[in-house]
Amino acid sequence: MIRLFTTLYLISLIFCSNIISQPEWVNKTPSGYLNDYFVGKGTSTSSKSEASQRAFEDAIISIMRNNTITINYSEKDIILSEQKSKNDDVQLEIVRKSAQELRINGESKLIKNLKEVETYYETNGNKYEAWVLVNLPKKDPISPPNAFSPVWRSFLLPGWGQLYKEETFKGVSFMVLSLGGIAGGFIFNELSKDAVNKANSSRTQIRRDFFNNEAKNYNTYSTIGFITAGVFYIWSLVDAIIYKQKDLYVSIYPSANELYVNVSLILK
């Protein structure tokens, strides 16, 4: 029973630690207060850069399907095929060029205010997989919550502040590891006391040594549990304290030497 509990606890520790290291937006597109976010995925058997190029293209296609975009248009920006009148050619060229700009510079000059937030890679055999997170300013930004709100929540219950920020995986991980560490600490502490009592009531030295050794092991496990709980409690609190609102809304004002064309492009 004890070995099973220990094994399950260690498995949850490893699993939740992996969850914390993986960006949450890979599985759930974030909803910003000041920006709209879009996630794209791309794969390649050649290189990471090709995978990221395809991921950016995927994200831009999603934007063009759902948003009105502002294009900084000039002849040098968009070089079309011979059939320049075809709308599909314009769309494909916008996707290709803006994705290339994002991959190289982290922002697009072609699609106004389109910026890269983060890129995440995984390697699966000989295949590269890339996920990208990009954003655009909201037309009607929402007032962000008080920055102190996640702090007092994480102070009362580790992980609650992260759940408040809609960082579900991180919040659940902090909560499970902290509360699991406390529970494990108390359980092993009680088992240690029980082993000490058995050692004291034993009639032979062999049994006393056996139970004393068990008590020592249980006491070590108990200490590890409490330390784990403390580490993740402090981690959760620090994570909530250093939280900063990264959604910075930038007003859009046309420049005198540029032509801005508002277009709504719907890909078939």
C-alpha atoms as a PDB file:
ATOM      1  CA  MET A   1       0.000   0.000   0.000  1.00  0.00           C
ATOM      2  CA  ILE A   2       2.803   2.395   0.940  1.00  0.00           C
ATOM      3  CA  ARG A   3       4.788   1.552  -2.168  1.00  0.00           C
ATOM      4  CA  LEU A   4       1.706   2.106  -4.316  1.00  0.00           C
ATOM      5  CA  PHE A   5       1.077   5.507  -2.715  1.00  0.00           C
ATOM      6  CA  THR A   6       4.724   6.490  -3.163  1.00  0.00           C
ATOM      7  CA  THR A   7       4.717   5.367  -6.808  1.00  0.00           C
ATOM      8  CA  LEU A   8       1.523   7.252  -7.609  1.00  0.00           C
ATOM      9  CA  TYR A   9       2.826  10.380  -5.904  1.00  0.00           C
ATOM     10  CA  LEU A  10       6.111  10.289  -7.846  1.00  0.00           C
ATOM     11  CA  ILE A  11       4.230   9.707 -11.109  1.00  0.00           C
ATOM     12  CA  SER A  12       1.980  12.713 -10.416  1.00  0.00           C
ATOM     13  CA  LEU A  13       5.067  14.781  -9.573  1.00  0.00           C
ATOM     14  CA  ILE A  14       6.737  13.942 -12.885  1.00  0.00           C
ATOM     15  CA  PHE A  15       3.510  14.328 -14.887  1.00  0.00           C
ATOM     16  CA  CYS A  16       2.575  17.687 -13.393  1.00  0.00           C
ATOM     17  CA  SER A  17       6.132  18.984 -13.757  1.00  0.00           C
ATOM     18  CA  ASN A  18       5.955  18.192 -17.485  1.00  0.00           C
ATOM     19  CA  ILE A  19       2.629  19.984 -17.719  1.00  0.00           C
ATOM     20  CA  ILE A  20       4.105  23.077 -16.121  1.00  0.00           C
ATOM     21  CA  SER A  21       6.957  23.108 -18.661  1.00  0.00           C
ATOM     22  CA  GLN A  22       4.590  22.909 -21.649  1.00  0.00           C
ATOM     23  CA  PRO A  23       2.918  26.139 -22.792  1.00  0.00           C
ATOM     24  CA  GLU A  24      -0.775  26.024 -21.966  1.00  0.00           C
ATOM     25  CA  TRP A  25      -1.704  27.836 -25.181  1.00  0.00           C
ATOM     26  CA  VAL A  26      -0.616  24.769 -27.192  1.00  0.00           C
ATOM     27  CA  ASN A  27      -3.845  23.054 -26.117  1.00  0.00           C
ATOM     28  CA  LYS A  28      -6.035  26.074 -25.398  1.00  0.00           C
ATOM     29  CA  THR A  29      -5.962  29.394 -27.224  1.00  0.00           C
ATOM     30  CA  PRO A  30      -5.745  32.198 -24.632  1.00  0.00           C
ATOM     31  CA  SER A  31      -8.349  34.934 -24.424  1.00  0.00           C
ATOM     32  CA  GLY A  32      -6.704  38.310 -23.845  1.00  0.00           C
ATOM     33  CA  TYR A  33      -8.124  41.490 -22.399  1.00  0.00           C
ATOM     34  CA  LEU A  34      -6.390  43.780 -24.862  1.00  0.00           C
ATOM     35  CA  ASN A  35      -5.367  41.409 -27.664  1.00  0.00           C
ATOM     36  CA  ASP A  36      -6.925  38.662 -29.736  1.00  0.00           C
ATOM     37  CA  TYR A  37      -4.765  35.527 -29.802  1.00  0.00           C
ATOM     38  CA  PHE A  38      -4.383  32.900 -32.508  1.00  0.00           C
ATOM     39  CA  VAL A  39      -2.539  29.580 -32.490  1.00  0.00           C
ATOM     40  CA  GLY A  40      -1.065  27.863 -35.535  1.00  0.00           C
ATOM     41  CA  LYS A  41       0.543  24.448 -35.960  1.00  0.00           C
ATOM     42  CA  GLY A  42       2.986  23.250 -38.581  1.00  0.00           C
ATOM     43  CA  THR A  43       5.017  20.105 -39.240  1.00  0.00           C
ATOM     44  CA  SER A  44       8.068  19.387 -41.370  1.00  0.00           C
ATOM     45  CA  THR A  45      10.515  16.557 -41.969  1.00  0.00           C
ATOM     46  CA  SER A  46      13.174  19.018 -43.136  1.00  0.00           C
ATOM     47  CA  SER A  47      13.752  21.703 -40.490  1.00  0.00           C
ATOM     48  CA  LYS A  48      12.338  23.608 -37.527  1.00  0.00           C
ATOM     49  CA  SER A  49      12.217  26.808 -39.581  1.00  0.00           C
ATOM     50  CA  GLU A  50       9.993  25.172 -42.195  1.00  0.00           C
ATOM     51  CA  ALA A  51       7.718  23.826 -39.461  1.00  0.00           C
ATOM     52  CA  SER A  52       7.458  27.288 -37.885  1.00  0.00           C
ATOM     53  CA  GLN A  53       6.782  28.877 -41.302  1.00  0.00           C
ATOM     54  CA  ARG A  54       3.853  26.520 -41.789  1.00  0.00           C
ATOM     55  CA  ALA A  55       2.652  27.160 -38.238  1.00  0.00           C
ATOM     56  CA  PHE A  56       2.655  30.936 -38.811  1.00  0.00           C
ATOM     57  CA  GLU A  57       0.790  30.441 -42.091  1.00  0.00           C
ATOM     58  CA  ASP A  58      -1.799  28.323 -40.263  1.00  0.00           C
ATOM     59  CA  ALA A  59      -2.271  31.046 -37.624  1.00  0.00           C
ATOM     60  CA  ILE A  60      -2.601  33.783 -40.261  1.00  0.00           C
ATOM     61  CA  ILE A  61      -5.204  31.787 -42.194  1.00  0.00           C
ATOM     62  CA  SER A  62      -7.188  31.519 -38.950  1.00  0.00           C
ATOM     63  CA  ILE A  63      -6.934  35.295 -38.488  1.00  0.00           C
ATOM     64  CA  MET A  64      -8.066  36.005 -42.044  1.00  0.00           C
ATOM     65  CA  ARG A  65     -11.059  33.748 -41.604  1.00  0.00           C
ATOM     66  CA  ASN A  66     -12.213  35.430 -38.418  1.00  0.00           C
ATOM     67  CA  ASN A  67     -10.888  39.001 -38.354  1.00  0.00           C
ATOM     68  CA  THR A  68     -10.703  42.171 -40.377  1.00  0.00           C
ATOM     69  CA  ILE A  69      -7.033  42.879 -40.942  1.00  0.00           C
ATOM     70  CA  THR A  70      -5.214  46.084 -41.839  1.00  0.00           C
ATOM     71  CA  ILE A  71      -2.639  45.696 -44.626  1.00  0.00           C
ATOM     72  CA  ASN A  72       0.309  48.007 -45.263  1.00  0.00           C
ATOM     73  CA  TYR A  73      -0.022  47.736 -49.020  1.00  0.00           C
ATOM     74  CA  SER A  74       2.483  48.737 -51.670  1.00  0.00           C
ATOM     75  CA  GLU A  75       3.754  47.195 -54.883  1.00  0.00           C
ATOM     76  CA  LYS A  76       6.921  45.968 -53.193  1.00  0.00           C
ATOM     77  CA  ASP A  77       4.966  44.288 -50.399  1.00  0.00           C
ATOM     78  CA  ILE A  78       2.890  41.910 -52.487  1.00  0.00           C
ATOM     79  CA  ILE A  79       4.292  40.333 -55.623  1.00  0.00           C
ATOM     80  CA  LEU A  80       1.536  38.382 -57.313  1.00  0.00           C
ATOM     81  CA  SER A  81       1.481  35.809 -60.076  1.00  0.00           C
ATOM     82  CA  GLU A  82       0.516  36.723 -63.637  1.00  0.00           C
ATOM     83  CA  GLN A  83      -3.176  36.550 -62.717  1.00  0.00           C
ATOM     84  CA  LYS A  84      -3.017  39.545 -60.396  1.00  0.00           C
ATOM     85  CA  SER A  85      -6.764  40.037 -60.340  1.00  0.00           C
ATOM     86  CA  LYS A  86      -7.449  36.788 -58.510  1.00  0.00           C
ATOM     87  CA  ASN A  87      -8.298  37.334 -54.872  1.00  0.00           C
ATOM     88  CA  ASP A  88      -6.886  33.903 -53.918  1.00  0.00           C
ATOM     89  CA  ASP A  89      -3.450  34.936 -55.197  1.00  0.00           C
ATOM     90  CA  VAL A  90      -3.526  38.037 -53.002  1.00  0.00           C
ATOM     91  CA  GLN A  91      -4.527  36.006 -49.976  1.00  0.00           C
ATOM     92  CA  LEU A  92      -1.863  33.348 -50.463  1.00  0.00           C
ATOM     93  CA  GLU A  93       0.847  35.950 -50.951  1.00  0.00           C
ATOM     94  CA  ILE A  94      -0.244  37.804 -47.799  1.00  0.00           C
ATOM     95  CA  VAL A  95      -0.139  34.540 -45.850  1.00  0.00           C
ATOM     96  CA  ARG A  96       3.296  33.544 -47.155  1.00  0.00           C
ATOM     97  CA  LYS A  97       4.984  36.917 -46.769  1.00  0.00           C
ATOM     98  CA  SER A  98       3.552  37.862 -43.374  1.00  0.00           C
ATOM     99  CA  ALA A  99       4.415  34.391 -42.022  1.00  0.00           C
ATOM    100  CA  GLN A 100       7.983  34.859 -43.213  1.00  0.00           C
ATOM    101  CA  GLU A 101       8.163  38.270 -41.526  1.00  0.00           C
ATOM    102  CA  LEU A 102       6.902  36.818 -38.252  1.00  0.00           C
ATOM    103  CA  ARG A 103       9.361  33.943 -38.369  1.00  0.00           C
ATOM    104  CA  ILE A 104      12.353  36.211 -39.018  1.00  0.00           C
ATOM    105  CA  ASN A 105      11.473  39.444 -37.201  1.00  0.00           C
ATOM    106  CA  GLY A 106       8.797  38.472 -34.683  1.00  0.00           C
ATOM    107  CA  GLU A 107       6.287  40.900 -36.197  1.00  0.00           C
ATOM    108  CA  SER A 108       4.712  41.589 -39.567  1.00  0.00           C
ATOM    109  CA  LYS A 109       4.943  44.849 -41.454  1.00  0.00           C
ATOM    110  CA  LEU A 110       2.461  43.608 -44.018  1.00  0.00           C
ATOM    111  CA  ILE A 111      -0.367  42.861 -41.571  1.00  0.00           C
ATOM    112  CA  LYS A 112      -0.412  45.809 -39.214  1.00  0.00           C
ATOM    113  CA  ASN A 113       0.284  45.113 -35.523  1.00  0.00           C
ATOM    114  CA  LEU A 114       0.467  41.338 -36.006  1.00  0.00           C
ATOM    115  CA  LYS A 115       3.127  40.033 -33.601  1.00  0.00           C
ATOM    116  CA  GLU A 116       4.605  36.745 -32.460  1.00  0.00           C
ATOM    117  CA  VAL A 117       4.085  36.010 -28.767  1.00  0.00           C
ATOM    118  CA  GLU A 118       5.775  32.633 -28.409  1.00  0.00           C
ATOM    119  CA  THR A 119       6.921  29.616 -30.423  1.00  0.00           C
ATOM    120  CA  TYR A 120       7.078  26.056 -29.132  1.00  0.00           C
ATOM    121  CA  TYR A 121       8.820  23.082 -30.787  1.00  0.00           C
ATOM    122  CA  GLU A 122       8.705  19.328 -30.388  1.00  0.00           C
ATOM    123  CA  THR A 123      10.649  16.630 -32.238  1.00  0.00           C
ATOM    124  CA  ASN A 124       8.867  13.374 -32.989  1.00  0.00           C
ATOM    125  CA  GLY A 125      11.301  10.988 -34.649  1.00  0.00           C
ATOM    126  CA  ASN A 126      12.410  12.672 -37.865  1.00  0.00           C
ATOM    127  CA  LYS A 127       9.466  15.087 -37.816  1.00  0.00           C
ATOM    128  CA  TYR A 128       9.583  18.623 -36.470  1.00  0.00           C
ATOM    129  CA  GLU A 129       6.399  20.053 -34.967  1.00  0.00           C
ATOM    130  CA  ALA A 130       5.941  23.755 -34.247  1.00  0.00           C
ATOM    131  CA  TRP A 131       3.206  25.713 -32.505  1.00  0.00           C
ATOM    132  CA  VAL A 132       3.067  29.504 -32.676  1.00  0.00           C
ATOM    133  CA  LEU A 133       1.058  32.034 -30.694  1.00  0.00           C
ATOM    134  CA  VAL A 134       0.414  35.416 -32.323  1.00  0.00           C
ATOM    135  CA  ASN A 135      -1.759  38.374 -31.400  1.00  0.00           C
ATOM    136  CA  LEU A 136      -3.543  41.411 -32.768  1.00  0.00           C
ATOM    137  CA  PRO A 137      -4.931  44.357 -30.753  1.00  0.00           C
ATOM    138  CA  LYS A 138      -8.636  44.092 -29.966  1.00  0.00           C
ATOM    139  CA  LYS A 139     -10.941  46.629 -31.561  1.00  0.00           C
ATOM    140  CA  ASP A 140     -12.684  47.003 -28.215  1.00  0.00           C
ATOM    141  CA  PRO A 141     -10.162  46.234 -25.441  1.00  0.00           C
ATOM    142  CA  ILE A 142     -11.403  44.975 -22.079  1.00  0.00           C
ATOM    143  CA  SER A 143     -10.151  46.399 -18.783  1.00  0.00           C
ATOM    144  CA  PRO A 144      -7.740  43.860 -17.229  1.00  0.00           C
ATOM    145  CA  PRO A 145      -8.311  42.594 -13.666  1.00  0.00           C
ATOM    146  CA  ASN A 146      -6.465  43.858 -10.617  1.00  0.00           C
ATOM    147  CA  ALA A 147      -2.906  42.466 -10.654  1.00  0.00           C
ATOM    148  CA  PHE A 148      -3.134  41.745  -6.890  1.00  0.00           C
ATOM    149  CA  SER A 149      -6.083  39.370  -7.323  1.00  0.00           C
ATOM    150  CA  PRO A 150      -3.965  36.307  -8.273  1.00  0.00           C
ATOM    151  CA  VAL A 151      -1.585  37.009  -5.357  1.00  0.00           C
ATOM    152  CA  TRP A 152      -4.037  36.775  -2.463  1.00  0.00           C
ATOM    153  CA  ARG A 153      -5.694  33.764  -4.069  1.00  0.00           C
ATOM    154  CA  SER A 154      -2.375  31.891  -4.333  1.00  0.00           C
ATOM    155  CA  PHE A 155      -1.582  32.946  -0.758  1.00  0.00           C
ATOM    156  CA  LEU A 156      -4.765  31.242   0.490  1.00  0.00           C
ATOM    157  CA  LEU A 157      -4.565  28.218  -1.805  1.00  0.00           C
ATOM    158  CA  PRO A 158      -1.622  27.417  -4.111  1.00  0.00           C
ATOM    159  CA  GLY A 159      -2.750  27.276  -7.729  1.00  0.00           C
ATOM    160  CA  TRP A 160      -5.905  29.330  -7.176  1.00  0.00           C
ATOM    161  CA  GLY A 161      -4.219  32.458  -8.510  1.00  0.00           C
ATOM    162  CA  GLN A 162      -3.190  30.614 -11.660  1.00  0.00           C
ATOM    163  CA  LEU A 163      -6.723  29.297 -12.136  1.00  0.00           C
ATOM    164  CA  TYR A 164      -7.966  32.888 -11.754  1.00  0.00           C
ATOM    165  CA  LYS A 165      -5.621  33.867 -14.598  1.00  0.00           C
ATOM    166  CA  GLU A 166      -7.088  30.956 -16.605  1.00  0.00           C
ATOM    167  CA  GLU A 167      -3.782  29.066 -16.496  1.00  0.00           C
ATOM    168  CA  THR A 168      -5.605  25.814 -15.833  1.00  0.00           C
ATOM    169  CA  PHE A 169      -2.809  23.261 -16.179  1.00  0.00           C
ATOM    170  CA  LYS A 170      -0.387  25.328 -14.122  1.00  0.00           C
ATOM    171  CA  GLY A 171      -3.008  26.018 -11.445  1.00  0.00           C
ATOM    172  CA  VAL A 172      -4.056  22.371 -11.140  1.00  0.00           C
ATOM    173  CA  SER A 173      -0.402  21.303 -11.030  1.00  0.00           C
ATOM    174  CA  PHE A 174       0.450  23.703  -8.198  1.00  0.00           C
ATOM    175  CA  MET A 175      -2.663  22.667  -6.302  1.00  0.00           C
ATOM    176  CA  VAL A 176      -2.142  18.907  -6.700  1.00  0.00           C
ATOM    177  CA  LEU A 177       1.572  18.980  -5.875  1.00  0.00           C
ATOM    178  CA  SER A 178       1.165  21.285  -2.876  1.00  0.00           C
ATOM    179  CA  LEU A 179      -1.849  19.551  -1.341  1.00  0.00           C
ATOM    180  CA  GLY A 180      -0.480  16.139  -2.289  1.00  0.00           C
ATOM    181  CA  GLY A 181       2.800  16.980  -0.587  1.00  0.00           C
ATOM    182  CA  ILE A 182       0.985  18.025   2.604  1.00  0.00           C
ATOM    183  CA  ALA A 183      -1.203  14.902   2.560  1.00  0.00           C
ATOM    184  CA  GLY A 184       1.821  12.683   1.962  1.00  0.00           C
ATOM    185  CA  GLY A 185       3.722  14.422   4.727  1.00  0.00           C
ATOM    186  CA  PHE A 186       0.989  13.797   7.295  1.00  0.00           C
ATOM    187  CA  ILE A 187       0.351  10.209   6.179  1.00  0.00           C
ATOM    188  CA  PHE A 188       4.008   9.212   6.351  1.00  0.00           C
ATOM    189  CA  ASN A 189       4.383  11.046   9.657  1.00  0.00           C
ATOM    190  CA  GLU A 190       1.561   8.952  11.161  1.00  0.00           C
ATOM    191  CA  LEU A 191       3.104   5.782   9.721  1.00  0.00           C
ATOM    192  CA  SER A 192       6.427   6.751  11.276  1.00  0.00           C
ATOM    193  CA  LYS A 193       4.794   7.192  14.685  1.00  0.00           C
ATOM    194  CA  ASP A 194       3.047   3.843  14.303  1.00  0.00           C
ATOM    195  CA  ALA A 195       6.343   2.140  13.441  1.00  0.00           C
ATOM    196  CA  VAL A 196       8.004   3.716  16.500  1.00  0.00           C
ATOM    197  CA  ASN A 197       5.202   2.399  18.734  1.00  0.00           C
ATOM    198  CA  LYS A 198       5.594  -1.077  17.230  1.00  0.00           C
ATOM    199  CA  ALA A 199       9.341  -0.917  17.762  1.00  0.00           C
ATOM    200  CA  ASN A 200       8.884   0.028  21.423  1.00  0.00           C
ATOM    201  CA  SER A 201       6.430  -2.813  21.987  1.00  0.00           C
ATOM    202  CA  SER A 202       8.526  -5.429  20.181  1.00  0.00           C
ATOM    203  CA  ARG A 203      10.050  -8.207  22.272  1.00  0.00           C
ATOM    204  CA  THR A 204      13.014  -8.987  20.050  1.00  0.00           C
ATOM    205  CA  GLN A 205      15.858  -6.759  18.885  1.00  0.00           C
ATOM    206  CA  ILE A 206      15.370  -7.868  15.274  1.00  0.00           C
ATOM    207  CA  ARG A 207      11.777  -6.634  15.207  1.00  0.00           C
ATOM    208  CA  ARG A 208      12.755  -3.413  16.999  1.00  0.00           C
ATOM    209  CA  ASP A 209      15.458  -2.761  14.408  1.00  0.00           C
ATOM    210  CA  PHE A 210      12.991  -3.529  11.598  1.00  0.00           C
ATOM    211  CA  PHE A 211      10.341  -1.107  12.851  1.00  0.00           C
ATOM    212  CA  ASN A 212      12.904   1.567  13.720  1.00  0.00           C
ATOM    213  CA  ASN A 213      14.239   1.370  10.175  1.00  0.00           C
ATOM    214  CA  GLU A 214      10.684   1.681   8.821  1.00  0.00           C
ATOM    215  CA  ALA A 215      10.080   4.672  11.072  1.00  0.00           C
ATOM    216  CA  LYS A 216      13.224   6.312   9.745  1.00  0.00           C
ATOM    217  CA  ASN A 217      12.164   5.751   6.121  1.00  0.00           C
ATOM    218  CA  TYR A 218       8.644   7.026   6.760  1.00  0.00           C
ATOM    219  CA  ASN A 219      10.049  10.095   8.472  1.00  0.00           C
ATOM    220  CA  THR A 220      12.225  10.771   5.390  1.00  0.00           C
ATOM    221  CA  TYR A 221       9.195  10.440   3.088  1.00  0.00           C
ATOM    222  CA  SER A 222       7.223  12.748   5.355  1.00  0.00           C
ATOM    223  CA  THR A 223       9.950  15.383   5.197  1.00  0.00           C
ATOM    224  CA  ILE A 224      10.100  15.109   1.400  1.00  0.00           C
ATOM    225  CA  GLY A 225       6.320  15.557   1.217  1.00  0.00           C
ATOM    226  CA  PHE A 226       6.331  18.700   3.360  1.00  0.00           C
ATOM    227  CA  ILE A 227       9.318  20.162   1.475  1.00  0.00           C
ATOM    228  CA  THR A 228       7.585  19.474  -1.850  1.00  0.00           C
ATOM    229  CA  ALA A 229       4.443  21.200  -0.621  1.00  0.00           C
ATOM    230  CA  GLY A 230       6.452  24.201   0.578  1.00  0.00           C
ATOM    231  CA  VAL A 231       8.400  24.509  -2.679  1.00  0.00           C
ATOM    232  CA  PHE A 232       5.298  24.485  -4.860  1.00  0.00           C
ATOM    233  CA  TYR A 233       3.420  26.796  -2.492  1.00  0.00           C
ATOM    234  CA  ILE A 234       6.221  29.372  -2.717  1.00  0.00           C
ATOM    235  CA  TRP A 235       6.515  28.794  -6.489  1.00  0.00           C
ATOM    236  CA  SER A 236       2.791  29.396  -6.916  1.00  0.00           C
ATOM    237  CA  LEU A 237       2.965  32.583  -4.841  1.00  0.00           C
ATOM    238  CA  VAL A 238       6.024  33.944  -6.679  1.00  0.00           C
ATOM    239  CA  ASP A 239       4.425  33.126 -10.026  1.00  0.00           C
ATOM    240  CA  ALA A 240       1.355  35.129  -8.979  1.00  0.00           C
ATOM    241  CA  ILE A 241       3.449  38.048  -7.672  1.00  0.00           C
ATOM    242  CA  ILE A 242       5.593  38.435 -10.805  1.00  0.00           C
ATOM    243  CA  TYR A 243       2.507  38.236 -13.026  1.00  0.00           C
ATOM    244  CA  LYS A 244       2.446  41.138 -15.421  1.00  0.00           C
ATOM    245  CA  GLN A 245      -0.231  42.190 -17.860  1.00  0.00           C
ATOM    246  CA  LYS A 246       1.427  41.573 -21.227  1.00  0.00           C
ATOM    247  CA  ASP A 247      -1.538  42.722 -23.296  1.00  0.00           C
ATOM    248  CA  LEU A 248      -0.458  46.205 -24.375  1.00  0.00           C
ATOM    249  CA  TYR A 249      -2.942  47.917 -26.635  1.00  0.00           C
ATOM    250  CA  VAL A 250      -1.402  50.119 -29.329  1.00  0.00           C
ATOM    251  CA  SER A 251      -3.595  52.716 -31.022  1.00  0.00           C
ATOM    252  CA  ILE A 252      -3.519  52.581 -34.815  1.00  0.00           C
ATOM    253  CA  TYR A 253      -2.904  55.873 -36.572  1.00  0.00           C
ATOM    254  CA  PRO A 254      -2.285  55.932 -40.375  1.00  0.00           C
ATOM    255  CA  SER A 255       1.037  57.398 -41.415  1.00  0.00           C
ATOM    256  CA  ALA A 256       1.191  60.109 -44.094  1.00  0.00           C
ATOM    257  CA  ASN A 257       3.508  58.104 -46.342  1.00  0.00           C
ATOM    258  CA  GLU A 258       1.656  54.777 -46.189  1.00  0.00           C
ATOM    259  CA  LEU A 259      -1.574  53.492 -47.675  1.00  0.00           C
ATOM    260  CA  TYR A 260      -3.715  51.421 -45.291  1.00  0.00           C
ATOM    261  CA  VAL A 261      -6.370  49.196 -46.756  1.00  0.00           C
ATOM    262  CA  ASN A 262      -8.891  47.565 -44.414  1.00  0.00           C
ATOM    263  CA  VAL A 263      -9.883  44.235 -45.903  1.00  0.00           C
ATOM    264  CA  SER A 264     -11.886  41.308 -44.645  1.00  0.00           C
ATOM    265  CA  LEU A 265     -10.536  38.165 -46.321  1.00  0.00           C
ATOM    266  CA  ILE A 266     -12.452  34.931 -46.055  1.00  0.00           C
ATOM    267  CA  LEU A 267     -10.590  31.867 -47.340  1.00  0.00           C
ATOM    268  CA  LYS A 268     -12.654  29.114 -48.844  1.00  0.00           C
END
